[in-house]
Amino acid sequence: MNFIFRVFLNILSLISILIINIIIFYKKKNKKKILFVYLPHLKKKKNYYNKIFNKIENNFIIYSTLNLSISRNFYTVKPSYLKFIMGVDFFFSDYVVDKFTPRSKRVYIHHDIYDTPLVSRNKEKELSKRLLRYNFILIPSVKSLKVFKLLFKNYKKKPKILILGEYPKLTSLLKKNIFLRKKGKPTIVIAPSGFYGIPKLSIKDHLQKIIIELLKIDIQIILRPHPSNRNHKIVKVIENKFKKINNFKIDISDDYSKIYSKSSLLITDYSGTAYTYAMYTLNPVIFISLNKNYINKLNYNSLNYFKDRKKIGLILNNYSKITEKVKYILKIKKKISNNINNIKKTYFINSNSNNNLYLN
């Protein structure tokens, strides 16, 4: 963080705090419940959360970020300055933070559609302690529950976990009505997890070989790196190596909906985007799982994420046969699409999702 950025961040934070406190003072006069939504690393509001917030009656929402921006109801606030914002009833974040507005109920919105492992095993204790500072954790469905049960199994006092009955991001995607590609040359999206989340399950060191194998068949290939790895050396090397290949490209856009909607298949390791993709497009997923013993050793095989992989696609323990598996999975696509649709209807399209949210 350079000096000029720090200066602007501090100035904007002070201005924001003044504006926010004035707004809260007047809204409190009208008996409004103040919802403070902290999205540290976002350039714009995540409007798909509004449906959640509107379940709290008589609310007024203030959005905040760590990015340099002041616009209507969206303000820059440095984490250390949050303690100066008074009168907030509920503090929301979909990112695990350690600073909060004082005397507010703290709510963490889980941003993964399934119970994908959150961090590597050696970091779980640290994460659980951070999450214990929250009063509530909101999860999309029971499919996300197991990972939190494991995380808090050694604690008596823990956050209350509430099931929403929907995944807000998926609900938002489905409302876009983007045309989903059904014909033409197959397009495959390779979407690995963050390179340093759980290194032993990552395919980061095998991406080049996977791409080379896939280039043997007549398809379009799109590598979509995790947002945290867009400028990583591995991605840059791949970009340089395959830049002259017409049917290969790298996508680092903020919105993946168009790329996903035009594709036929997703390839990943253990990324949570696998299930978002499947529920959005009804297309299959190939999971490249090169460390089955590690999954079993850590009891990850008990998580719904790993148990349901065969319901939405195929598991490959050796990517050398990936081309024939791609051809095969595209032939049985209709059957897999039916499986995916059943999961979506059962767990992620909740007719009761308009009920009020009781955070007591």
Protein backbone atom coordinates (compact mmCIF):
# COMPACT_ATOMS: atom_id res chain seq x y z
CA MET A 1 0.00 0.00 0.00
CA ASN A 2 1.81 3.12 -1.19
CA PHE A 3 1.94 6.41 0.70
CA ILE A 4 -0.49 8.35 -1.53
CA PHE A 5 -3.09 5.57 -1.35
CA ARG A 6 -2.80 5.47 2.46
CA VAL A 7 -3.30 9.24 2.66
CA PHE A 8 -6.40 9.13 0.46
CA LEU A 9 -7.71 6.09 2.31
CA ASN A 10 -7.45 7.88 5.66
CA ILE A 11 -9.00 11.09 4.33
CA LEU A 12 -11.90 9.28 2.65
CA SER A 13 -12.45 7.15 5.75
CA LEU A 14 -12.75 10.24 7.96
CA ILE A 15 -15.17 11.88 5.53
CA SER A 16 -17.17 8.65 5.26
CA ILE A 17 -17.42 8.24 9.02
CA LEU A 18 -18.77 11.77 9.39
CA ILE A 19 -21.38 11.23 6.65
CA ILE A 20 -22.36 7.78 7.90
CA ASN A 21 -22.83 8.90 11.50
CA ILE A 22 -25.02 11.80 10.39
CA ILE A 23 -27.13 9.45 8.24
CA ILE A 24 -27.49 6.96 11.08
CA PHE A 25 -28.52 9.73 13.52
CA TYR A 26 -31.42 10.80 11.30
CA LYS A 27 -32.47 7.28 10.32
CA LYS A 28 -32.56 6.26 13.98
CA LYS A 29 -35.06 9.04 14.59
CA ASN A 30 -37.36 7.18 12.20
CA LYS A 31 -36.82 3.92 14.13
CA LYS A 32 -34.86 2.36 11.25
CA LYS A 33 -32.71 -0.71 11.80
CA ILE A 34 -29.26 0.14 10.47
CA LEU A 35 -27.57 -2.57 8.38
CA PHE A 36 -23.90 -1.93 7.74
CA VAL A 37 -22.60 -4.10 4.89
CA TYR A 38 -18.81 -4.27 4.71
CA LEU A 39 -17.40 -5.53 1.40
CA PRO A 40 -13.66 -4.81 1.80
CA HIS A 41 -12.32 -5.65 -1.65
CA LEU A 42 -15.23 -4.81 -3.90
CA LYS A 43 -15.57 -2.07 -6.50
CA LYS A 44 -19.36 -2.03 -6.45
CA LYS A 45 -22.29 -3.18 -4.34
CA LYS A 46 -23.35 -6.81 -4.41
CA ASN A 47 -27.01 -6.12 -5.07
CA TYR A 48 -27.87 -9.80 -4.95
CA TYR A 49 -27.63 -9.58 -1.16
CA ASN A 50 -30.46 -7.06 -0.99
CA LYS A 51 -33.00 -9.87 -0.88
CA ILE A 52 -31.41 -11.08 2.35
CA PHE A 53 -31.27 -7.65 3.92
CA ASN A 54 -34.86 -6.86 3.00
CA LYS A 55 -35.99 -9.76 5.16
CA ILE A 56 -35.16 -7.54 8.12
CA GLU A 57 -38.12 -5.22 8.54
CA ASN A 58 -37.80 -1.44 8.55
CA ASN A 59 -34.13 -1.44 7.56
CA PHE A 60 -31.73 1.08 6.10
CA ILE A 61 -28.63 -0.27 4.35
CA ILE A 62 -25.20 1.35 4.27
CA TYR A 63 -22.53 -0.26 2.09
CA SER A 64 -18.85 0.16 2.79
CA THR A 65 -15.58 -0.91 1.15
CA LEU A 66 -11.83 -0.58 1.43
CA ASN A 67 -11.63 0.66 -2.16
CA LEU A 68 -11.40 4.39 -2.81
CA SER A 69 -15.00 5.35 -3.47
CA ILE A 70 -17.73 7.55 -2.08
CA SER A 71 -21.09 7.31 -3.74
CA ARG A 72 -24.66 7.13 -2.58
CA ASN A 73 -24.81 4.66 0.30
CA PHE A 74 -21.38 3.25 -0.59
CA TYR A 75 -18.45 4.59 1.39
CA THR A 76 -14.75 3.95 1.86
CA VAL A 77 -13.88 2.96 5.42
CA LYS A 78 -10.53 1.67 6.63
CA PRO A 79 -11.07 -1.32 8.98
CA SER A 80 -9.46 0.41 11.96
CA TYR A 81 -11.99 3.27 11.58
CA LEU A 82 -15.07 1.03 11.89
CA LYS A 83 -15.02 1.49 15.69
CA PHE A 84 -16.01 5.14 15.21
CA ILE A 85 -19.33 4.33 13.49
CA MET A 86 -22.13 4.38 16.06
CA GLY A 87 -25.69 3.08 16.05
CA VAL A 88 -25.32 0.11 13.69
CA ASP A 89 -27.73 -2.72 14.49
CA PHE A 90 -26.31 -5.40 12.18
CA PHE A 91 -22.84 -5.68 10.68
CA PHE A 92 -22.71 -7.89 7.56
CA SER A 93 -19.71 -9.15 5.62
CA ASP A 94 -19.11 -11.99 3.15
CA TYR A 95 -15.40 -11.75 3.92
CA VAL A 96 -14.03 -12.81 7.31
CA VAL A 97 -12.95 -9.56 8.95
CA ASP A 98 -11.56 -8.75 12.39
CA LYS A 99 -12.79 -5.19 12.87
CA PHE A 100 -16.45 -4.33 13.42
CA THR A 101 -18.80 -1.49 14.21
CA PRO A 102 -19.32 -1.35 18.01
CA ARG A 103 -22.24 -3.06 19.79
CA SER A 104 -23.74 -4.40 16.55
CA LYS A 105 -24.74 -8.00 15.85
CA ARG A 106 -22.16 -9.51 13.51
CA VAL A 107 -23.30 -11.57 10.55
CA TYR A 108 -21.04 -13.51 8.18
CA ILE A 109 -22.60 -14.38 4.80
CA HIS A 110 -20.95 -17.54 3.52
CA HIS A 111 -20.05 -16.88 -0.12
CA ASP A 112 -19.74 -20.50 -1.25
CA ILE A 113 -22.65 -22.54 -2.58
CA TYR A 114 -21.40 -25.84 -1.04
CA ASP A 115 -19.30 -27.00 1.89
CA THR A 116 -16.04 -26.51 0.03
CA PRO A 117 -13.04 -26.67 2.42
CA LEU A 118 -12.47 -23.12 3.59
CA VAL A 119 -8.72 -23.21 4.24
CA SER A 120 -5.93 -25.75 4.59
CA ARG A 121 -6.05 -27.86 7.75
CA ASN A 122 -3.20 -26.00 9.47
CA LYS A 123 -5.17 -22.73 9.17
CA GLU A 124 -8.53 -24.04 10.38
CA LYS A 125 -7.98 -23.21 14.05
CA GLU A 126 -7.14 -19.60 13.23
CA LEU A 127 -10.21 -19.29 10.98
CA SER A 128 -12.54 -20.82 13.57
CA LYS A 129 -11.36 -18.31 16.19
CA ARG A 130 -12.03 -15.45 13.81
CA LEU A 131 -15.50 -16.74 12.95
CA LEU A 132 -16.34 -17.22 16.64
CA ARG A 133 -16.44 -13.44 16.90
CA TYR A 134 -19.59 -13.43 14.75
CA ASN A 135 -23.10 -13.87 16.14
CA PHE A 136 -24.56 -15.43 13.01
CA ILE A 137 -23.41 -17.29 9.91
CA LEU A 138 -25.76 -17.36 6.93
CA ILE A 139 -25.38 -20.35 4.60
CA PRO A 140 -27.24 -21.17 1.36
CA SER A 141 -28.48 -24.65 2.29
CA VAL A 142 -27.75 -27.78 4.33
CA LYS A 143 -25.19 -28.59 1.64
CA SER A 144 -22.95 -25.97 3.26
CA LEU A 145 -23.50 -27.03 6.86
CA LYS A 146 -21.00 -29.85 7.34
CA VAL A 147 -17.86 -27.74 6.88
CA PHE A 148 -18.94 -25.40 9.71
CA LYS A 149 -19.85 -28.30 12.01
CA LEU A 150 -16.32 -29.62 11.57
CA LEU A 151 -14.84 -26.17 12.07
CA PHE A 152 -16.64 -25.58 15.39
CA LYS A 153 -16.72 -29.16 16.72
CA ASN A 154 -14.37 -28.36 19.64
CA TYR A 155 -16.22 -25.23 20.78
CA LYS A 156 -19.25 -25.03 23.05
CA LYS A 157 -20.10 -21.42 22.28
CA LYS A 158 -20.40 -20.83 18.55
CA PRO A 159 -22.23 -18.59 16.06
CA LYS A 160 -25.83 -19.42 15.23
CA ILE A 161 -26.02 -20.87 11.73
CA LEU A 162 -29.07 -19.91 9.65
CA ILE A 163 -30.01 -21.59 6.37
CA LEU A 164 -31.25 -19.21 3.66
CA GLY A 165 -32.69 -21.81 1.31
CA GLU A 166 -30.99 -20.18 -1.67
CA TYR A 167 -27.61 -19.04 -2.90
CA PRO A 168 -27.97 -15.28 -3.52
CA LYS A 169 -25.36 -15.18 -6.28
CA LEU A 170 -27.06 -18.06 -8.12
CA THR A 171 -30.47 -16.39 -7.74
CA SER A 172 -29.00 -13.25 -9.28
CA LEU A 173 -27.39 -15.18 -12.15
CA LEU A 174 -30.61 -16.99 -12.98
CA LYS A 175 -32.45 -13.68 -13.26
CA LYS A 176 -30.09 -12.47 -16.00
CA ASN A 177 -31.69 -14.75 -18.58
CA ILE A 178 -28.45 -14.98 -20.54
CA PHE A 179 -28.67 -17.36 -23.48
CA LEU A 180 -27.11 -20.68 -22.56
CA ARG A 181 -25.17 -22.24 -25.42
CA LYS A 182 -26.50 -25.60 -26.56
CA LYS A 183 -24.88 -26.07 -30.00
CA GLY A 184 -21.64 -25.39 -31.83
CA LYS A 185 -18.04 -26.22 -31.02
CA PRO A 186 -17.71 -27.17 -27.30
CA THR A 187 -16.16 -24.54 -25.06
CA ILE A 188 -14.39 -25.71 -21.93
CA VAL A 189 -13.67 -23.44 -18.99
CA ILE A 190 -10.75 -24.36 -16.72
CA ALA A 191 -11.36 -22.71 -13.33
CA PRO A 192 -8.83 -23.79 -10.69
CA SER A 193 -9.15 -22.91 -7.03
CA GLY A 194 -6.89 -20.27 -5.46
CA PHE A 195 -3.33 -21.52 -5.81
CA TYR A 196 -2.52 -21.31 -2.10
CA GLY A 197 -5.82 -22.34 -0.52
CA ILE A 198 -5.11 -26.05 -0.17
CA PRO A 199 -1.90 -26.60 -2.21
CA LYS A 200 -2.06 -30.40 -2.05
CA LEU A 201 -5.39 -30.36 -3.88
CA SER A 202 -4.49 -27.65 -6.40
CA ILE A 203 -3.90 -28.28 -10.10
CA LYS A 204 -1.82 -25.10 -10.45
CA ASP A 205 1.36 -27.01 -11.34
CA HIS A 206 -0.44 -29.12 -13.94
CA LEU A 207 -2.34 -26.45 -15.85
CA GLN A 208 0.02 -26.34 -18.82
CA LYS A 209 -0.10 -30.11 -19.31
CA ILE A 210 -3.90 -30.11 -19.01
CA ILE A 211 -4.19 -27.39 -21.66
CA ILE A 212 -1.78 -29.24 -23.98
CA GLU A 213 -3.90 -32.39 -23.68
CA LEU A 214 -7.13 -30.52 -24.36
CA LEU A 215 -5.68 -28.83 -27.43
CA LYS A 216 -5.56 -32.25 -29.08
CA ILE A 217 -9.32 -32.09 -29.68
CA ASP A 218 -11.43 -29.56 -31.56
CA ILE A 219 -12.69 -27.34 -28.74
CA GLN A 220 -12.44 -23.80 -27.41
CA ILE A 221 -10.50 -23.50 -24.13
CA ILE A 222 -10.84 -20.68 -21.61
CA LEU A 223 -8.63 -20.49 -18.54
CA ARG A 224 -10.32 -18.52 -15.79
CA PRO A 225 -7.88 -18.14 -12.88
CA HIS A 226 -9.09 -17.44 -9.37
CA PRO A 227 -9.38 -13.64 -8.85
CA SER A 228 -6.49 -13.73 -6.38
CA ASN A 229 -4.21 -15.30 -9.02
CA ARG A 230 -4.93 -13.13 -12.06
CA ASN A 231 -1.44 -11.66 -12.05
CA HIS A 232 0.34 -14.75 -10.76
CA LYS A 233 3.52 -15.92 -12.49
CA ILE A 234 1.90 -19.24 -13.41
CA VAL A 235 -0.89 -17.43 -15.28
CA LYS A 236 1.54 -15.08 -17.02
CA VAL A 237 3.72 -17.98 -18.21
CA ILE A 238 0.65 -19.77 -19.60
CA GLU A 239 -0.54 -16.59 -21.29
CA ASN A 240 2.81 -16.14 -23.01
CA LYS A 241 3.17 -19.79 -24.00
CA PHE A 242 -0.27 -20.16 -25.61
CA LYS A 243 -0.83 -16.62 -26.90
CA LYS A 244 -0.63 -17.73 -30.55
CA ILE A 245 -3.17 -20.52 -30.10
CA ASN A 246 -6.46 -19.35 -31.61
CA ASN A 247 -8.73 -21.63 -29.63
CA PHE A 248 -7.25 -20.74 -26.24
CA LYS A 249 -7.70 -17.61 -24.16
CA ILE A 250 -7.51 -16.40 -20.57
CA ASP A 251 -10.46 -14.64 -18.98
CA ILE A 252 -9.88 -12.33 -15.99
CA SER A 253 -13.13 -10.38 -16.15
CA ASP A 254 -15.03 -9.64 -12.94
CA ASP A 255 -18.26 -11.16 -14.25
CA TYR A 256 -18.06 -14.81 -15.24
CA SER A 257 -21.73 -15.15 -16.24
CA LYS A 258 -21.18 -14.65 -19.99
CA ILE A 259 -18.21 -17.02 -20.12
CA TYR A 260 -20.08 -19.69 -18.18
CA SER A 261 -23.27 -19.31 -20.22
CA LYS A 262 -21.41 -19.83 -23.52
CA SER A 263 -19.49 -22.89 -22.31
CA SER A 264 -20.25 -26.61 -22.43
CA LEU A 265 -18.16 -27.94 -19.56
CA LEU A 266 -16.09 -26.83 -16.57
CA ILE A 267 -12.81 -28.35 -15.36
CA THR A 268 -11.60 -27.65 -11.82
CA ASP A 269 -9.85 -29.16 -8.81
CA TYR A 270 -11.82 -28.34 -5.64
CA SER A 271 -13.07 -24.84 -6.41
CA GLY A 272 -16.48 -23.87 -5.06
CA THR A 273 -17.31 -22.40 -8.45
CA ALA A 274 -17.93 -25.95 -9.68
CA TYR A 275 -21.38 -26.08 -8.09
CA THR A 276 -22.28 -22.49 -8.92
CA TYR A 277 -21.42 -23.26 -12.54
CA ALA A 278 -23.40 -26.50 -12.56
CA MET A 279 -26.52 -24.98 -11.00
CA TYR A 280 -26.36 -21.95 -13.31
CA THR A 281 -25.74 -23.71 -16.62
CA LEU A 282 -26.85 -27.32 -15.90
CA ASN A 283 -23.58 -28.28 -17.60
CA PRO A 284 -21.27 -31.01 -16.25
CA VAL A 285 -18.02 -30.59 -14.34
CA ILE A 286 -14.82 -32.63 -14.53
CA PHE A 287 -12.96 -32.67 -11.21
CA ILE A 288 -9.24 -33.35 -11.46
CA SER A 289 -8.43 -34.95 -8.12
CA LEU A 290 -4.77 -35.91 -7.95
CA ASN A 291 -4.56 -36.54 -4.21
CA LYS A 292 -7.37 -38.87 -3.18
CA ASN A 293 -5.44 -40.10 -0.13
CA TYR A 294 -5.14 -36.56 1.22
CA ILE A 295 -8.90 -36.02 0.83
CA ASN A 296 -9.59 -39.22 2.79
CA LYS A 297 -6.94 -38.49 5.40
CA LEU A 298 -8.51 -35.14 6.30
CA ASN A 299 -12.03 -36.59 6.21
CA TYR A 300 -12.96 -34.25 3.37
CA ASN A 301 -14.71 -37.19 1.72
CA SER A 302 -17.50 -36.69 4.29
CA LEU A 303 -18.23 -33.22 2.91
CA ASN A 304 -21.11 -32.82 0.47
CA TYR A 305 -18.75 -31.09 -1.95
CA PHE A 306 -16.77 -34.29 -2.46
CA LYS A 307 -19.70 -36.71 -2.06
CA ASP A 308 -21.75 -35.01 -4.78
CA ARG A 309 -19.02 -34.65 -7.40
CA LYS A 310 -20.18 -37.69 -9.38
CA LYS A 311 -23.73 -36.33 -9.40
CA ILE A 312 -22.68 -33.29 -11.40
CA GLY A 313 -19.81 -34.74 -13.43
CA LEU A 314 -16.76 -36.99 -13.39
CA ILE A 315 -13.67 -37.37 -11.22
CA LEU A 316 -10.27 -37.81 -12.85
CA ASN A 317 -7.31 -39.04 -10.82
CA ASN A 318 -5.05 -38.82 -13.89
CA TYR A 319 -5.46 -36.06 -16.46
CA SER A 320 -3.67 -38.06 -19.18
CA LYS A 321 -7.08 -39.41 -20.27
CA ILE A 322 -8.83 -36.08 -20.08
CA THR A 323 -9.61 -35.81 -23.81
CA GLU A 324 -11.55 -39.07 -23.94
CA LYS A 325 -13.37 -38.16 -20.72
CA VAL A 326 -14.37 -34.80 -22.19
CA LYS A 327 -15.87 -36.56 -25.21
CA TYR A 328 -17.64 -39.06 -22.96
CA ILE A 329 -19.13 -36.54 -20.54
CA LEU A 330 -20.51 -34.44 -23.38
CA LYS A 331 -22.34 -37.55 -24.65
CA ILE A 332 -24.03 -38.17 -21.27
CA LYS A 333 -24.62 -34.47 -20.62
CA LYS A 334 -28.42 -34.78 -20.53
CA LYS A 335 -28.33 -37.32 -17.71
CA ILE A 336 -25.97 -35.17 -15.65
CA SER A 337 -28.07 -32.08 -16.33
CA ASN A 338 -31.08 -33.86 -14.83
CA ASN A 339 -29.06 -34.69 -11.69
CA ILE A 340 -27.92 -31.09 -11.37
CA ASN A 341 -31.45 -29.77 -11.83
CA ASN A 342 -32.74 -32.04 -9.06
CA ILE A 343 -30.11 -30.70 -6.63
CA LYS A 344 -30.90 -27.11 -7.62
CA LYS A 345 -34.64 -27.50 -7.16
CA THR A 346 -34.25 -29.31 -3.85
CA TYR A 347 -31.68 -27.09 -2.15
CA PHE A 348 -31.30 -23.75 -3.93
CA ILE A 349 -34.73 -22.64 -5.10
CA ASN A 350 -36.66 -22.03 -1.91
CA SER A 351 -40.28 -20.92 -2.19
CA ASN A 352 -40.11 -19.77 1.43
CA SER A 353 -37.04 -17.58 0.92
CA ASN A 354 -39.12 -14.41 1.24
CA ASN A 355 -39.74 -15.02 4.94
CA ASN A 356 -38.34 -12.54 7.44
CA LEU A 357 -34.84 -13.18 8.76
CA TYR A 358 -34.78 -13.38 12.54
CA LEU A 359 -31.34 -12.41 13.82
CA ASN A 360 -32.06 -12.50 17.55
